[in-house]
All heavy atoms as atom14 arrays in JSON, in Angstrom:
{
  "sequence": "KYPEEAQYVVNFGYNYPYMMKMNMREAVHMIELRTVPQGHQDY",
  "atom14_mask": [
    [1, 1, 1, 1, 1, 1, 1, 1, 1, 0, 0, 0, 0, 0],
    [1, 1, 1, 1, 1, 1, 1, 1, 1, 1, 1, 1, 0, 0],
    [1, 1, 1, 1, 1, 1, 1, 0, 0, 0, 0, 0, 0, 0],
    [1, 1, 1, 1, 1, 1, 1, 1, 1, 0, 0, 0, 0, 0],
    [1, 1, 1, 1, 1, 1, 1, 1, 1, 0, 0, 0, 0, 0],
    [1, 1, 1, 1, 1, 0, 0, 0, 0, 0, 0, 0, 0, 0],
    [1, 1, 1, 1, 1, 1, 1, 1, 1, 0, 0, 0, 0, 0],
    [1, 1, 1, 1, 1, 1, 1, 1, 1, 1, 1, 1, 0, 0],
    [1, 1, 1, 1, 1, 1, 1, 0, 0, 0, 0, 0, 0, 0],
    [1, 1, 1, 1, 1, 1, 1, 0, 0, 0, 0, 0, 0, 0],
    [1, 1, 1, 1, 1, 1, 1, 1, 0, 0, 0, 0, 0, 0],
    [1, 1, 1, 1, 1, 1, 1, 1, 1, 1, 1, 0, 0, 0],
    [1, 1, 1, 1, 0, 0, 0, 0, 0, 0, 0, 0, 0, 0],
    [1, 1, 1, 1, 1, 1, 1, 1, 1, 1, 1, 1, 0, 0],
    [1, 1, 1, 1, 1, 1, 1, 1, 0, 0, 0, 0, 0, 0],
    [1, 1, 1, 1, 1, 1, 1, 1, 1, 1, 1, 1, 0, 0],
    [1, 1, 1, 1, 1, 1, 1, 0, 0, 0, 0, 0, 0, 0],
    [1, 1, 1, 1, 1, 1, 1, 1, 1, 1, 1, 1, 0, 0],
    [1, 1, 1, 1, 1, 1, 1, 1, 0, 0, 0, 0, 0, 0],
    [1, 1, 1, 1, 1, 1, 1, 1, 0, 0, 0, 0, 0, 0],
    [1, 1, 1, 1, 1, 1, 1, 1, 1, 0, 0, 0, 0, 0],
    [1, 1, 1, 1, 1, 1, 1, 1, 0, 0, 0, 0, 0, 0],
    [1, 1, 1, 1, 1, 1, 1, 1, 0, 0, 0, 0, 0, 0],
    [1, 1, 1, 1, 1, 1, 1, 1, 0, 0, 0, 0, 0, 0],
    [1, 1, 1, 1, 1, 1, 1, 1, 1, 1, 1, 0, 0, 0],
    [1, 1, 1, 1, 1, 1, 1, 1, 1, 0, 0, 0, 0, 0],
    [1, 1, 1, 1, 1, 0, 0, 0, 0, 0, 0, 0, 0, 0],
    [1, 1, 1, 1, 1, 1, 1, 0, 0, 0, 0, 0, 0, 0],
    [1, 1, 1, 1, 1, 1, 1, 1, 1, 1, 0, 0, 0, 0],
    [1, 1, 1, 1, 1, 1, 1, 1, 0, 0, 0, 0, 0, 0],
    [1, 1, 1, 1, 1, 1, 1, 1, 0, 0, 0, 0, 0, 0],
    [1, 1, 1, 1, 1, 1, 1, 1, 1, 0, 0, 0, 0, 0],
    [1, 1, 1, 1, 1, 1, 1, 1, 0, 0, 0, 0, 0, 0],
    [1, 1, 1, 1, 1, 1, 1, 1, 1, 1, 1, 0, 0, 0],
    [1, 1, 1, 1, 1, 1, 1, 0, 0, 0, 0, 0, 0, 0],
    [1, 1, 1, 1, 1, 1, 1, 0, 0, 0, 0, 0, 0, 0],
    [1, 1, 1, 1, 1, 1, 1, 0, 0, 0, 0, 0, 0, 0],
    [1, 1, 1, 1, 1, 1, 1, 1, 1, 0, 0, 0, 0, 0],
    [1, 1, 1, 1, 0, 0, 0, 0, 0, 0, 0, 0, 0, 0],
    [1, 1, 1, 1, 1, 1, 1, 1, 1, 1, 0, 0, 0, 0],
    [1, 1, 1, 1, 1, 1, 1, 1, 1, 0, 0, 0, 0, 0],
    [1, 1, 1, 1, 1, 1, 1, 1, 0, 0, 0, 0, 0, 0],
    [1, 1, 1, 1, 1, 1, 1, 1, 1, 1, 1, 1, 0, 0]
  ],
  "atom14_positions": [
    [[98.44, 112.16, 124.37], [98.0, 111.33, 125.5], [97.4, 110.0, 125.04], [97.45, 109.01, 125.78], [96.98, 112.1, 126.33], [96.68, 111.42, 127.67], [95.82, 112.3, 128.56], [95.56, 111.61, 129.9], [94.71, 112.43, 130.8], [0.0, 0.0, 0.0], [0.0, 0.0, 0.0], [0.0, 0.0, 0.0], [0.0, 0.0, 0.0], [0.0, 0.0, 0.0]],
    [[96.86, 109.98, 123.83], [96.16, 108.77, 123.36], [96.67, 108.38, 121.96], [95.99, 108.55, 120.95], [94.65, 109.03, 123.28], [94.05, 109.53, 124.57], [93.76, 110.89, 124.74], [93.77, 108.66, 125.62], [93.21, 111.36, 125.92], [93.21, 109.12, 126.81], [92.94, 110.48, 126.95], [92.39, 110.93, 128.13], [0.0, 0.0, 0.0], [0.0, 0.0, 0.0]],
    [[97.91, 107.86, 121.88], [98.51, 107.56, 120.56], [97.74, 106.52, 119.75], [97.68, 106.62, 118.51], [99.92, 107.07, 120.91], [99.84, 106.65, 122.34], [98.83, 107.55, 122.98], [0.0, 0.0, 0.0], [0.0, 0.0, 0.0], [0.0, 0.0, 0.0], [0.0, 0.0, 0.0], [0.0, 0.0, 0.0], [0.0, 0.0, 0.0], [0.0, 0.0, 0.0]],
    [[97.18, 105.51, 120.4], [96.45, 104.49, 119.65], [95.09, 104.99, 119.2], [94.67, 104.78, 118.06], [96.32, 103.21, 120.49], [97.66, 102.56, 120.77], [97.56, 101.08, 121.06], [96.66, 100.42, 120.52], [98.39, 100.57, 121.83], [0.0, 0.0, 0.0], [0.0, 0.0, 0.0], [0.0, 0.0, 0.0], [0.0, 0.0, 0.0], [0.0, 0.0, 0.0]],
    [[94.39, 105.7, 120.08], [93.07, 106.24, 119.73], [93.17, 107.32, 118.66], [92.24, 107.49, 117.86], [92.39, 106.82, 120.97], [91.88, 105.79, 121.97], [92.96, 105.24, 122.9], [94.14, 105.67, 122.78], [92.66, 104.4, 123.76], [0.0, 0.0, 0.0], [0.0, 0.0, 0.0], [0.0, 0.0, 0.0], [0.0, 0.0, 0.0], [0.0, 0.0, 0.0]],
    [[94.29, 108.03, 118.62], [94.47, 109.12, 117.64], [94.43, 108.6, 116.21], [94.13, 109.36, 115.27], [95.79, 109.84, 117.9], [0.0, 0.0, 0.0], [0.0, 0.0, 0.0], [0.0, 0.0, 0.0], [0.0, 0.0, 0.0], [0.0, 0.0, 0.0], [0.0, 0.0, 0.0], [0.0, 0.0, 0.0], [0.0, 0.0, 0.0], [0.0, 0.0, 0.0]],
    [[94.69, 107.33, 116.01], [94.68, 106.74, 114.66], [93.34, 106.92, 113.95], [93.28, 107.06, 112.72], [94.98, 105.24, 114.71], [96.36, 104.87, 115.23], [96.52, 103.36, 115.27], [97.06, 102.76, 114.34], [96.03, 102.75, 116.34], [0.0, 0.0, 0.0], [0.0, 0.0, 0.0], [0.0, 0.0, 0.0], [0.0, 0.0, 0.0], [0.0, 0.0, 0.0]],
    [[92.27, 106.9, 114.71], [90.93, 106.91, 114.13], [90.64, 108.14, 113.28], [89.83, 108.09, 112.36], [89.87, 106.81, 115.23], [89.75, 105.44, 115.86], [90.32, 105.16, 117.1], [89.04, 104.43, 115.22], [90.2, 103.91, 117.68], [88.91, 103.17, 115.79], [89.49, 102.92, 117.03], [89.37, 101.67, 117.6], [0.0, 0.0, 0.0], [0.0, 0.0, 0.0]],
    [[91.29, 109.26, 113.58], [90.99, 110.5, 112.86], [91.79, 110.64, 111.57], [91.5, 111.49, 110.73], [91.24, 111.73, 113.78], [92.72, 112.06, 113.86], [90.42, 112.93, 113.32], [0.0, 0.0, 0.0], [0.0, 0.0, 0.0], [0.0, 0.0, 0.0], [0.0, 0.0, 0.0], [0.0, 0.0, 0.0], [0.0, 0.0, 0.0], [0.0, 0.0, 0.0]],
    [[92.78, 109.77, 111.36], [93.7, 109.9, 110.21], [93.04, 109.4, 108.93], [92.44, 108.32, 108.9], [95.01, 109.13, 110.47], [95.97, 109.3, 109.29], [95.67, 109.6, 111.76], [0.0, 0.0, 0.0], [0.0, 0.0, 0.0], [0.0, 0.0, 0.0], [0.0, 0.0, 0.0], [0.0, 0.0, 0.0], [0.0, 0.0, 0.0], [0.0, 0.0, 0.0]],
    [[93.19, 110.15, 107.85], [92.57, 109.83, 106.56], [93.32, 108.73, 105.81], [94.51, 108.52, 105.99], [92.53, 111.07, 105.67], [91.97, 112.29, 106.38], [92.68, 112.95, 107.12], [90.71, 112.59, 106.15], [0.0, 0.0, 0.0], [0.0, 0.0, 0.0], [0.0, 0.0, 0.0], [0.0, 0.0, 0.0], [0.0, 0.0, 0.0], [0.0, 0.0, 0.0]],
    [[92.59, 108.06, 104.92], [93.18, 107.03, 104.06], [94.33, 107.59, 103.22], [95.22, 106.86, 102.81], [92.14, 106.46, 103.1], [91.15, 105.51, 103.72], [90.98, 105.44, 105.09], [90.36, 104.7, 102.93], [90.05, 104.57, 105.66], [89.44, 103.82, 103.47], [89.29, 103.76, 104.84], [0.0, 0.0, 0.0], [0.0, 0.0, 0.0], [0.0, 0.0, 0.0]],
    [[94.29, 108.89, 102.92], [95.31, 109.49, 102.06], [96.65, 109.71, 102.73], [97.65, 109.97, 102.06], [0.0, 0.0, 0.0], [0.0, 0.0, 0.0], [0.0, 0.0, 0.0], [0.0, 0.0, 0.0], [0.0, 0.0, 0.0], [0.0, 0.0, 0.0], [0.0, 0.0, 0.0], [0.0, 0.0, 0.0], [0.0, 0.0, 0.0], [0.0, 0.0, 0.0]],
    [[96.69, 109.62, 104.06], [97.97, 109.8, 104.76], [98.88, 108.6, 104.55], [98.43, 107.45, 104.49], [97.73, 110.05, 106.25], [97.62, 111.52, 106.57], [96.38, 112.13, 106.75], [98.76, 112.32, 106.65], [96.28, 113.49, 107.01], [98.67, 113.68, 106.91], [97.44, 114.26, 107.09], [97.36, 115.6, 107.32], [0.0, 0.0, 0.0], [0.0, 0.0, 0.0]],
    [[100.18, 108.87, 104.43], [101.16, 107.81, 104.19], [101.41, 107.01, 105.46], [101.42, 107.54, 106.57], [102.45, 108.41, 103.65], [102.29, 108.93, 102.24], [101.57, 108.34, 101.44], [102.93, 110.05, 101.93], [0.0, 0.0, 0.0], [0.0, 0.0, 0.0], [0.0, 0.0, 0.0], [0.0, 0.0, 0.0], [0.0, 0.0, 0.0], [0.0, 0.0, 0.0]],
    [[101.67, 105.72, 105.23], [101.7, 104.75, 106.33], [102.9, 103.81, 106.16], [103.07, 103.22, 105.1], [100.39, 103.95, 106.3], [100.21, 103.0, 107.45], [100.34, 103.42, 108.76], [99.87, 101.67, 107.21], [100.14, 102.54, 109.8], [99.68, 100.78, 108.24], [99.81, 101.22, 109.55], [99.63, 100.35, 110.59], [0.0, 0.0, 0.0], [0.0, 0.0, 0.0]],
    [[103.73, 103.66, 107.19], [104.92, 102.81, 107.07], [104.68, 101.36, 107.5], [104.04, 101.1, 108.51], [105.91, 103.49, 108.03], [105.05, 104.11, 109.08], [103.74, 104.44, 108.45], [0.0, 0.0, 0.0], [0.0, 0.0, 0.0], [0.0, 0.0, 0.0], [0.0, 0.0, 0.0], [0.0, 0.0, 0.0], [0.0, 0.0, 0.0], [0.0, 0.0, 0.0]],
    [[105.22, 100.44, 106.71], [105.16, 99.02, 107.05], [106.29, 98.31, 106.31], [106.88, 98.86, 105.38], [103.81, 98.4, 106.71], [103.31, 98.63, 105.3], [103.36, 97.62, 104.34], [102.78, 99.86, 104.93], [102.88, 97.83, 103.06], [102.31, 100.08, 103.64], [102.36, 99.06, 102.71], [101.9, 99.27, 101.43], [0.0, 0.0, 0.0], [0.0, 0.0, 0.0]],
    [[106.62, 97.12, 106.76], [107.63, 96.33, 106.06], [107.02, 94.98, 105.68], [106.14, 94.47, 106.36], [108.89, 96.13, 106.92], [108.69, 95.5, 108.29], [108.46, 93.69, 108.35], [110.01, 93.11, 107.74], [0.0, 0.0, 0.0], [0.0, 0.0, 0.0], [0.0, 0.0, 0.0], [0.0, 0.0, 0.0], [0.0, 0.0, 0.0], [0.0, 0.0, 0.0]],
    [[107.49, 94.46, 104.55], [107.0, 93.17, 104.07], [108.19, 92.29, 103.7], [109.08, 92.73, 102.98], [106.1, 93.35, 102.84], [104.84, 94.15, 103.1], [103.88, 94.5, 101.6], [103.06, 92.93, 101.35], [0.0, 0.0, 0.0], [0.0, 0.0, 0.0], [0.0, 0.0, 0.0], [0.0, 0.0, 0.0], [0.0, 0.0, 0.0], [0.0, 0.0, 0.0]],
    [[108.18, 91.09, 104.22], [109.2, 90.11, 103.83], [108.48, 88.95, 103.15], [107.51, 88.41, 103.67], [109.97, 89.6, 105.04], [111.03, 88.58, 104.66], [112.0, 88.27, 105.77], [113.08, 87.32, 105.29], [114.28, 87.35, 106.12], [0.0, 0.0, 0.0], [0.0, 0.0, 0.0], [0.0, 0.0, 0.0], [0.0, 0.0, 0.0], [0.0, 0.0, 0.0]],
    [[108.95, 88.61, 101.96], [108.3, 87.56, 101.19], [109.33, 86.76, 100.42], [110.43, 87.25, 100.14], [107.29, 88.17, 100.22], [107.9, 89.01, 99.11], [106.72, 90.08, 98.27], [106.64, 91.43, 99.45], [0.0, 0.0, 0.0], [0.0, 0.0, 0.0], [0.0, 0.0, 0.0], [0.0, 0.0, 0.0], [0.0, 0.0, 0.0], [0.0, 0.0, 0.0]],
    [[108.97, 85.53, 100.09], [109.83, 84.76, 99.21], [109.44, 85.03, 97.76], [108.42, 85.68, 97.48], [109.79, 83.27, 99.56], [108.38, 82.7, 99.47], [107.71, 82.79, 98.45], [107.92, 82.09, 100.57], [0.0, 0.0, 0.0], [0.0, 0.0, 0.0], [0.0, 0.0, 0.0], [0.0, 0.0, 0.0], [0.0, 0.0, 0.0], [0.0, 0.0, 0.0]],
    [[110.25, 84.55, 96.84], [110.01, 84.81, 95.42], [108.65, 84.27, 94.97], [107.95, 84.89, 94.17], [111.13, 84.2, 94.57], [110.89, 84.28, 93.06], [110.74, 85.97, 92.43], [112.44, 86.28, 91.95], [0.0, 0.0, 0.0], [0.0, 0.0, 0.0], [0.0, 0.0, 0.0], [0.0, 0.0, 0.0], [0.0, 0.0, 0.0], [0.0, 0.0, 0.0]],
    [[108.26, 83.14, 95.49], [106.98, 82.55, 95.08], [105.82, 83.48, 95.43], [104.91, 83.7, 94.63], [106.81, 81.19, 95.75], [105.65, 80.36, 95.21], [105.77, 78.93, 95.7], [104.76, 78.07, 95.12], [103.75, 77.53, 95.8], [103.63, 77.77, 97.09], [102.88, 76.74, 95.21], [0.0, 0.0, 0.0], [0.0, 0.0, 0.0], [0.0, 0.0, 0.0]],
    [[105.83, 84.01, 96.64], [104.78, 84.94, 97.04], [104.92, 86.27, 96.3], [103.93, 86.9, 95.96], [104.82, 85.17, 98.55], [103.85, 86.23, 99.07], [102.39, 85.98, 98.72], [102.03, 84.83, 98.41], [101.6, 86.95, 98.74], [0.0, 0.0, 0.0], [0.0, 0.0, 0.0], [0.0, 0.0, 0.0], [0.0, 0.0, 0.0], [0.0, 0.0, 0.0]],
    [[106.16, 86.7, 96.05], [106.38, 87.93, 95.3], [105.78, 87.83, 93.9], [105.18, 88.78, 93.4], [107.87, 88.24, 95.21], [0.0, 0.0, 0.0], [0.0, 0.0, 0.0], [0.0, 0.0, 0.0], [0.0, 0.0, 0.0], [0.0, 0.0, 0.0], [0.0, 0.0, 0.0], [0.0, 0.0, 0.0], [0.0, 0.0, 0.0], [0.0, 0.0, 0.0]],
    [[105.94, 86.67, 93.27], [105.35, 86.44, 91.95], [103.84, 86.62, 92.03], [103.23, 87.33, 91.22], [105.7, 85.03, 91.42], [104.87, 84.7, 90.18], [107.19, 84.94, 91.11], [0.0, 0.0, 0.0], [0.0, 0.0, 0.0], [0.0, 0.0, 0.0], [0.0, 0.0, 0.0], [0.0, 0.0, 0.0], [0.0, 0.0, 0.0], [0.0, 0.0, 0.0]],
    [[103.23, 85.97, 93.01], [101.77, 86.05, 93.15], [101.31, 87.49, 93.4], [100.42, 87.99, 92.72], [101.31, 85.16, 94.3], [99.88, 85.4, 94.71], [98.82, 85.05, 93.91], [99.35, 85.98, 95.82], [97.69, 85.4, 94.5], [97.98, 85.97, 95.66], [0.0, 0.0, 0.0], [0.0, 0.0, 0.0], [0.0, 0.0, 0.0], [0.0, 0.0, 0.0]],
    [[101.93, 88.14, 94.36], [101.48, 89.47, 94.76], [101.71, 90.5, 93.66], [100.81, 91.28, 93.32], [102.19, 89.91, 96.03], [101.57, 91.18, 96.62], [102.48, 91.83, 98.02], [103.71, 92.8, 97.18], [0.0, 0.0, 0.0], [0.0, 0.0, 0.0], [0.0, 0.0, 0.0], [0.0, 0.0, 0.0], [0.0, 0.0, 0.0], [0.0, 0.0, 0.0]],
    [[102.9, 90.51, 93.08], [103.25, 91.54, 92.1], [102.49, 91.34, 90.79], [102.01, 92.31, 90.18], [104.77, 91.59, 91.89], [105.46, 92.07, 93.19], [105.13, 92.48, 90.72], [106.96, 91.97, 93.18], [0.0, 0.0, 0.0], [0.0, 0.0, 0.0], [0.0, 0.0, 0.0], [0.0, 0.0, 0.0], [0.0, 0.0, 0.0], [0.0, 0.0, 0.0]],
    [[102.35, 90.1, 90.35], [101.57, 89.86, 89.13], [100.1, 90.23, 89.34], [99.47, 90.83, 88.47], [101.7, 88.4, 88.7], [103.09, 88.06, 88.15], [103.2, 86.64, 87.64], [102.31, 85.82, 87.94], [104.18, 86.35, 86.94], [0.0, 0.0, 0.0], [0.0, 0.0, 0.0], [0.0, 0.0, 0.0], [0.0, 0.0, 0.0], [0.0, 0.0, 0.0]],
    [[99.55, 89.88, 90.5], [98.15, 90.21, 90.78], [97.94, 91.72, 90.9], [96.98, 92.27, 90.36], [97.71, 89.53, 92.08], [96.3, 89.87, 92.58], [95.25, 89.4, 91.57], [96.05, 89.25, 93.95], [0.0, 0.0, 0.0], [0.0, 0.0, 0.0], [0.0, 0.0, 0.0], [0.0, 0.0, 0.0], [0.0, 0.0, 0.0], [0.0, 0.0, 0.0]],
    [[98.86, 92.4, 91.58], [98.66, 93.82, 91.85], [99.11, 94.73, 90.71], [99.06, 95.95, 90.83], [99.39, 94.2, 93.15], [98.79, 93.57, 94.39], [97.32, 93.88, 94.51], [96.69, 93.23, 95.66], [95.39, 93.2, 95.88], [94.57, 93.78, 95.02], [94.89, 92.6, 96.95], [0.0, 0.0, 0.0], [0.0, 0.0, 0.0], [0.0, 0.0, 0.0]],
    [[99.54, 94.15, 89.59], [99.82, 94.97, 88.41], [98.81, 94.71, 87.29], [98.97, 95.22, 86.18], [101.24, 94.73, 87.85], [101.41, 93.33, 87.55], [102.3, 95.16, 88.85], [0.0, 0.0, 0.0], [0.0, 0.0, 0.0], [0.0, 0.0, 0.0], [0.0, 0.0, 0.0], [0.0, 0.0, 0.0], [0.0, 0.0, 0.0], [0.0, 0.0, 0.0]],
    [[97.74, 93.95, 87.57], [96.74, 93.7, 86.53], [96.04, 95.01, 86.17], [95.97, 95.93, 87.0], [95.71, 92.64, 86.99], [96.36, 91.28, 87.16], [95.0, 93.07, 88.28], [0.0, 0.0, 0.0], [0.0, 0.0, 0.0], [0.0, 0.0, 0.0], [0.0, 0.0, 0.0], [0.0, 0.0, 0.0], [0.0, 0.0, 0.0], [0.0, 0.0, 0.0]],
    [[95.51, 95.13, 84.95], [94.92, 96.4, 84.49], [93.83, 96.95, 85.4], [93.71, 98.15, 85.57], [94.35, 96.04, 83.12], [95.2, 94.9, 82.64], [95.54, 94.12, 83.87], [0.0, 0.0, 0.0], [0.0, 0.0, 0.0], [0.0, 0.0, 0.0], [0.0, 0.0, 0.0], [0.0, 0.0, 0.0], [0.0, 0.0, 0.0], [0.0, 0.0, 0.0]],
    [[93.02, 96.05, 86.02], [91.9, 96.52, 86.81], [92.28, 96.95, 88.22], [91.45, 97.4, 89.0], [90.8, 95.44, 86.9], [91.22, 94.14, 87.58], [91.7, 93.1, 86.59], [92.32, 93.44, 85.59], [91.42, 91.84, 86.86], [0.0, 0.0, 0.0], [0.0, 0.0, 0.0], [0.0, 0.0, 0.0], [0.0, 0.0, 0.0], [0.0, 0.0, 0.0]],
    [[93.57, 96.83, 88.57], [94.01, 97.2, 89.9], [94.03, 98.7, 90.12], [94.15, 99.49, 89.18], [0.0, 0.0, 0.0], [0.0, 0.0, 0.0], [0.0, 0.0, 0.0], [0.0, 0.0, 0.0], [0.0, 0.0, 0.0], [0.0, 0.0, 0.0], [0.0, 0.0, 0.0], [0.0, 0.0, 0.0], [0.0, 0.0, 0.0], [0.0, 0.0, 0.0]],
    [[93.93, 99.11, 91.37], [94.02, 100.54, 91.72], [95.39, 101.06, 91.32], [96.41, 100.4, 91.52], [93.82, 100.7, 93.23], [93.6, 102.11, 93.66], [94.61, 103.06, 93.65], [92.5, 102.75, 94.14], [94.14, 104.21, 94.1], [92.86, 104.05, 94.4], [0.0, 0.0, 0.0], [0.0, 0.0, 0.0], [0.0, 0.0, 0.0], [0.0, 0.0, 0.0]],
    [[95.42, 102.26, 90.74], [96.69, 102.79, 90.22], [97.74, 102.95, 91.32], [98.94, 102.83, 91.06], [96.45, 104.12, 89.52], [95.9, 105.23, 90.4], [95.71, 106.53, 89.64], [96.15, 106.65, 88.5], [95.03, 107.48, 90.25], [0.0, 0.0, 0.0], [0.0, 0.0, 0.0], [0.0, 0.0, 0.0], [0.0, 0.0, 0.0], [0.0, 0.0, 0.0]],
    [[97.32, 103.24, 92.55], [98.29, 103.41, 93.64], [99.11, 102.15, 93.86], [100.34, 102.18, 93.88], [97.57, 103.8, 94.94], [97.14, 105.25, 94.96], [97.54, 105.99, 94.04], [96.4, 105.64, 95.88], [0.0, 0.0, 0.0], [0.0, 0.0, 0.0], [0.0, 0.0, 0.0], [0.0, 0.0, 0.0], [0.0, 0.0, 0.0], [0.0, 0.0, 0.0]],
    [[98.41, 101.02, 94.06], [99.18, 99.82, 94.35], [99.82, 99.22, 93.11], [100.83, 98.52, 93.18], [98.38, 98.78, 95.16], [97.19, 98.13, 94.5], [97.3, 97.33, 93.37], [95.92, 98.23, 95.08], [96.22, 96.68, 92.82], [94.82, 97.58, 94.54], [94.98, 96.81, 93.4], [93.89, 96.16, 92.86], [0.0, 0.0, 0.0], [0.0, 0.0, 0.0]]
  ]
}
């Protein structure tokens, strides 16, 4: 009955779908930044 409100109970560990469109310039920035040693292992 409440699909939007139901989101609040879902844990961070649950998988979540999204799409990302980026150009190569932004891909360089994002991927190089998110693979640095201090980054969270998940991302």
